[in-house]
Amino acid sequence: MKNTIKTIALLFMVMALVSCDATRNANNKQKGTVIGAGSGAVIGGVIGNNVGSKNNSALGAIIGAVVGGVAGNAIGDKMDRQAERIEEEIPGAQVERVGEGINVVFDETSGVYFDTNKYTINAASSETLKKLANVFKEYPDTNILIEGHTDSTGPDNFNMTLSKQRATAVTSFLSNQGIPSGRFTTNWYGPNQPKYDNSTVDGRAKNRRVELAIIANEKMKKEAMEQSGN
């Protein structure tokens, strides 16, 4: 994990040197163009290989899927609008536009949460996921990675199983709302990818999360390439 973080940091430093001036004033969708034009597409692919595999994070899946150039700009524009819709429908969600994708995090304070040691979807989480499903229906040309995470309390094997059950429960719920199952990839990591300090109550609560990566599918990529003249 430490080596992965160092790799990401180094590659982002290189990318910053390549395109610092161009990206300083760019908005989210414009960053898609800049990344591709400034050799960031290659860097994004390297990052994707390091952190976008089944053994790593949502961030890598998003950056590893970068198209770049004018086509990336078109994809970024659609992702801007989808991110705005998620924020409108689910104000408590942590929604971040990254490159040409969207990273959404739900923890115990932001819309999708589970009772202690449970993985069934409760009433509050159900309402949130129904709203999310409606947004996914509005934007059918995206693929969705769903990840389950836990804090470090308890045995690792138990936490790994629990994170799998929770991620799978979210995927199944969304599929039952009419979202094609082929749009989903489901991963789980137990306590192995903490974002916050597990030695604090607040940190552990935030680490008990479900995280989503939303990226363009092949149809959206093809249309964006055609629109850009490639």
Protein backbone atom coordinates (compact mmCIF):
# COMPACT_ATOMS: atom_id res chain seq x y z
CA MET A 1 0.00 0.00 0.00
CA LYS A 2 2.79 2.46 0.88
CA ASN A 3 4.55 1.70 -2.40
CA THR A 4 1.32 2.28 -4.31
CA ILE A 5 0.79 5.65 -2.65
CA LYS A 6 4.37 6.66 -3.42
CA THR A 7 3.87 5.64 -7.05
CA ILE A 8 0.70 7.69 -7.33
CA ALA A 9 2.36 10.71 -5.74
CA LEU A 10 5.35 10.50 -8.07
CA LEU A 11 3.23 10.15 -11.18
CA PHE A 12 0.99 13.03 -10.21
CA MET A 13 4.09 15.17 -9.71
CA VAL A 14 5.19 14.31 -13.25
CA MET A 15 1.73 15.04 -14.60
CA ALA A 16 1.70 18.36 -12.77
CA LEU A 17 5.01 19.37 -14.35
CA VAL A 18 3.75 18.43 -17.81
CA SER A 19 0.46 20.30 -17.64
CA CYS A 20 0.58 22.71 -14.70
CA ASP A 21 -0.05 25.89 -16.70
CA ALA A 22 -2.79 24.31 -18.79
CA THR A 23 -4.74 22.93 -15.86
CA ARG A 24 -4.43 25.84 -13.44
CA ASN A 25 -7.69 27.43 -14.54
CA ALA A 26 -9.42 24.40 -16.07
CA ASN A 27 -12.84 23.28 -14.89
CA ASN A 28 -13.73 19.60 -14.45
CA LYS A 29 -14.65 18.83 -18.04
CA GLN A 30 -11.71 20.82 -19.43
CA LYS A 31 -9.32 18.74 -17.33
CA GLY A 32 -10.30 15.75 -19.47
CA THR A 33 -8.90 17.51 -22.52
CA VAL A 34 -5.75 18.71 -20.76
CA ILE A 35 -4.88 15.29 -19.36
CA GLY A 36 -5.02 13.68 -22.78
CA ALA A 37 -3.20 16.48 -24.57
CA GLY A 38 -0.39 16.70 -22.01
CA SER A 39 0.61 13.01 -22.06
CA GLY A 40 -1.43 12.46 -18.91
CA ALA A 41 -3.31 9.66 -20.64
CA VAL A 42 -0.14 7.59 -20.48
CA ILE A 43 0.37 8.53 -16.83
CA GLY A 44 -3.28 7.71 -16.14
CA GLY A 45 -2.77 4.27 -17.62
CA VAL A 46 0.25 3.65 -15.41
CA ILE A 47 -1.69 4.77 -12.35
CA GLY A 48 -4.54 2.53 -13.40
CA ASN A 49 -2.21 -0.45 -13.59
CA ASN A 50 -0.98 0.27 -10.07
CA VAL A 51 -4.23 1.14 -8.30
CA GLY A 52 -7.06 0.25 -10.64
CA SER A 53 -6.92 -3.53 -10.42
CA LYS A 54 -9.15 -5.78 -8.34
CA ASN A 55 -6.64 -5.48 -5.51
CA ASN A 56 -6.74 -1.69 -5.37
CA SER A 57 -8.94 1.40 -5.29
CA ALA A 58 -11.78 3.22 -7.02
CA LEU A 59 -9.47 6.13 -7.79
CA GLY A 60 -7.27 3.94 -9.96
CA ALA A 61 -10.28 2.55 -11.79
CA ILE A 62 -11.36 6.08 -12.70
CA ILE A 63 -7.96 7.37 -13.76
CA GLY A 64 -7.05 4.13 -15.50
CA ALA A 65 -10.15 4.51 -17.72
CA VAL A 66 -9.11 7.94 -19.03
CA VAL A 67 -9.59 8.65 -22.75
CA GLY A 68 -8.17 12.18 -22.79
CA GLY A 69 -8.09 14.80 -25.51
CA VAL A 70 -11.27 16.34 -26.92
CA ALA A 71 -13.11 13.06 -26.37
CA GLY A 72 -12.19 13.27 -22.69
CA ASN A 73 -13.66 16.75 -22.63
CA ALA A 74 -16.99 15.42 -23.93
CA ILE A 75 -17.01 12.63 -21.36
CA GLY A 76 -16.10 15.07 -18.60
CA ASP A 77 -19.04 17.28 -19.54
CA LYS A 78 -21.47 14.37 -19.12
CA MET A 79 -19.83 13.37 -15.85
CA ASP A 80 -20.14 16.95 -14.54
CA ARG A 81 -23.89 16.79 -15.06
CA GLN A 82 -24.23 13.33 -13.54
CA ALA A 83 -22.23 14.36 -10.47
CA GLU A 84 -24.48 17.40 -10.05
CA ARG A 85 -27.57 15.18 -10.22
CA ILE A 86 -26.19 12.86 -7.52
CA GLU A 87 -25.46 15.86 -5.27
CA GLU A 88 -28.98 17.21 -5.87
CA GLU A 89 -30.67 13.89 -5.07
CA ILE A 90 -28.39 12.82 -2.20
CA PRO A 91 -27.02 15.91 -0.41
CA GLY A 92 -25.16 13.84 2.19
CA ALA A 93 -23.10 11.87 -0.33
CA GLN A 94 -19.43 12.70 -0.80
CA VAL A 95 -19.29 13.30 -4.55
CA GLU A 96 -15.98 14.09 -6.24
CA ARG A 97 -15.25 14.53 -9.92
CA VAL A 98 -11.95 12.84 -10.76
CA GLY A 99 -10.57 13.06 -14.29
CA GLU A 100 -13.28 11.63 -16.54
CA GLY A 101 -15.18 9.85 -13.78
CA ILE A 102 -16.98 10.29 -10.49
CA ASN A 103 -16.03 9.01 -7.03
CA VAL A 104 -18.93 8.68 -4.57
CA VAL A 105 -18.44 7.73 -0.92
CA PHE A 106 -21.18 6.77 1.50
CA ASP A 107 -20.27 6.39 5.16
CA GLU A 108 -22.33 6.29 8.35
CA THR A 109 -23.22 9.98 8.06
CA SER A 110 -23.89 10.26 4.34
CA GLY A 111 -26.78 8.15 3.17
CA VAL A 112 -25.89 4.46 2.98
CA TYR A 113 -24.96 2.72 6.21
CA PHE A 114 -25.41 -0.63 7.92
CA ASP A 115 -26.22 -1.70 11.45
CA THR A 116 -23.27 -3.07 13.41
CA ASN A 117 -22.04 -6.36 11.93
CA LYS A 118 -25.01 -6.44 9.54
CA TYR A 119 -25.22 -6.24 5.77
CA THR A 120 -28.95 -5.94 5.10
CA ILE A 121 -30.12 -2.68 3.47
CA ASN A 122 -32.07 -0.70 6.08
CA ALA A 123 -34.93 1.70 5.35
CA ALA A 124 -32.81 4.86 5.27
CA SER A 125 -30.19 3.33 2.98
CA SER A 126 -32.95 1.95 0.77
CA GLU A 127 -34.33 5.43 0.09
CA THR A 128 -30.88 6.75 -0.74
CA LEU A 129 -30.11 3.89 -3.12
CA LYS A 130 -33.43 4.32 -4.91
CA LYS A 131 -32.50 7.94 -5.63
CA LEU A 132 -29.08 6.84 -6.83
CA ALA A 133 -30.65 4.23 -9.11
CA ASN A 134 -32.83 6.90 -10.69
CA VAL A 135 -29.75 8.96 -11.54
CA PHE A 136 -28.06 5.89 -13.05
CA LYS A 137 -31.15 5.41 -15.25
CA GLU A 138 -30.80 8.99 -16.49
CA TYR A 139 -27.19 8.24 -17.49
CA PRO A 140 -27.23 4.68 -18.87
CA ASP A 141 -23.84 4.85 -20.60
CA THR A 142 -21.72 4.48 -17.50
CA ASN A 143 -20.22 1.54 -15.66
CA ILE A 144 -20.18 1.41 -11.87
CA LEU A 145 -17.60 -0.09 -9.53
CA ILE A 146 -18.94 -0.74 -6.02
CA GLU A 147 -16.50 -1.31 -3.16
CA GLY A 148 -17.08 -2.40 0.43
CA HIS A 149 -14.77 -1.29 3.25
CA THR A 150 -14.67 -1.76 7.04
CA ASP A 151 -12.68 -0.40 9.95
CA SER A 152 -9.96 -2.44 11.64
CA THR A 153 -12.04 -3.58 14.62
CA GLY A 154 -12.39 -7.35 14.84
CA PRO A 155 -10.77 -10.23 12.90
CA ASP A 156 -9.61 -9.50 9.36
CA ASN A 157 -11.43 -12.52 7.93
CA PHE A 158 -14.71 -11.40 9.44
CA ASN A 159 -14.27 -7.86 8.13
CA MET A 160 -13.38 -9.10 4.65
CA THR A 161 -16.53 -11.21 4.53
CA LEU A 162 -18.64 -8.36 5.92
CA SER A 163 -17.31 -5.89 3.35
CA LYS A 164 -18.09 -8.40 0.59
CA GLN A 165 -21.63 -8.90 1.89
CA ARG A 166 -22.26 -5.15 2.12
CA ALA A 167 -20.88 -4.36 -1.34
CA THR A 168 -22.84 -7.24 -2.83
CA ALA A 169 -26.00 -6.09 -1.03
CA VAL A 170 -25.68 -2.63 -2.59
CA THR A 171 -25.05 -4.09 -6.05
CA SER A 172 -28.03 -6.42 -5.75
CA PHE A 173 -30.31 -3.64 -4.53
CA LEU A 174 -29.40 -1.37 -7.45
CA SER A 175 -29.82 -4.24 -9.91
CA ASN A 176 -33.29 -4.88 -8.48
CA GLN A 177 -34.15 -1.25 -9.21
CA GLY A 178 -33.78 -1.96 -12.91
CA ILE A 179 -30.10 -1.18 -13.45
CA PRO A 180 -28.55 -3.85 -15.73
CA SER A 181 -26.21 -6.09 -13.75
CA GLY A 182 -23.63 -5.84 -16.54
CA ARG A 183 -22.94 -2.24 -15.54
CA PHE A 184 -21.59 -3.30 -12.14
CA THR A 185 -18.27 -4.56 -10.84
CA THR A 186 -18.19 -5.40 -7.14
CA ASN A 187 -15.01 -5.43 -5.01
CA TRP A 188 -14.36 -5.63 -1.28
CA TYR A 189 -11.34 -4.89 0.87
CA GLY A 190 -12.28 -5.33 4.52
CA PRO A 191 -9.97 -3.09 6.62
CA ASN A 192 -7.17 -3.00 4.04
CA GLN A 193 -7.86 0.42 2.49
CA PRO A 194 -8.52 2.86 5.34
CA LYS A 195 -8.87 6.52 4.41
CA TYR A 196 -8.95 7.73 8.01
CA ASP A 197 -7.30 6.98 11.33
CA ASN A 198 -8.66 3.72 12.75
CA SER A 199 -7.44 4.69 16.24
CA THR A 200 -10.28 7.24 16.57
CA VAL A 201 -14.04 6.72 16.79
CA ASP A 202 -14.66 9.22 14.00
CA GLY A 203 -12.00 7.66 11.79
CA ARG A 204 -13.42 4.17 12.21
CA ALA A 205 -16.93 5.41 11.39
CA LYS A 206 -15.69 7.00 8.16
CA ASN A 207 -13.76 3.88 7.18
CA ARG A 208 -16.95 1.82 7.40
CA ARG A 209 -18.02 2.90 3.95
CA VAL A 210 -19.31 1.93 0.54
CA GLU A 211 -17.41 3.60 -2.28
CA LEU A 212 -18.41 3.94 -5.94
CA ALA A 213 -16.44 4.72 -9.08
CA ILE A 214 -18.47 5.79 -12.11
CA ILE A 215 -16.75 5.67 -15.50
CA ALA A 216 -17.75 5.87 -19.16
CA ASN A 217 -18.74 2.62 -20.85
CA GLU A 218 -17.59 1.70 -24.34
CA LYS A 219 -20.64 3.30 -25.97
CA MET A 220 -19.99 6.66 -24.34
CA LYS A 221 -16.31 6.47 -25.23
CA LYS A 222 -17.09 5.62 -28.86
CA GLU A 223 -19.58 8.46 -29.20
CA ALA A 224 -17.11 10.89 -27.62
CA MET A 225 -14.38 9.79 -30.02
CA GLU A 226 -16.71 10.19 -33.00
CA GLN A 227 -17.79 13.63 -31.85
CA SER A 228 -14.14 14.66 -31.54
CA GLY A 229 -13.38 13.46 -35.07
CA ASN A 230 -11.12 10.61 -33.96
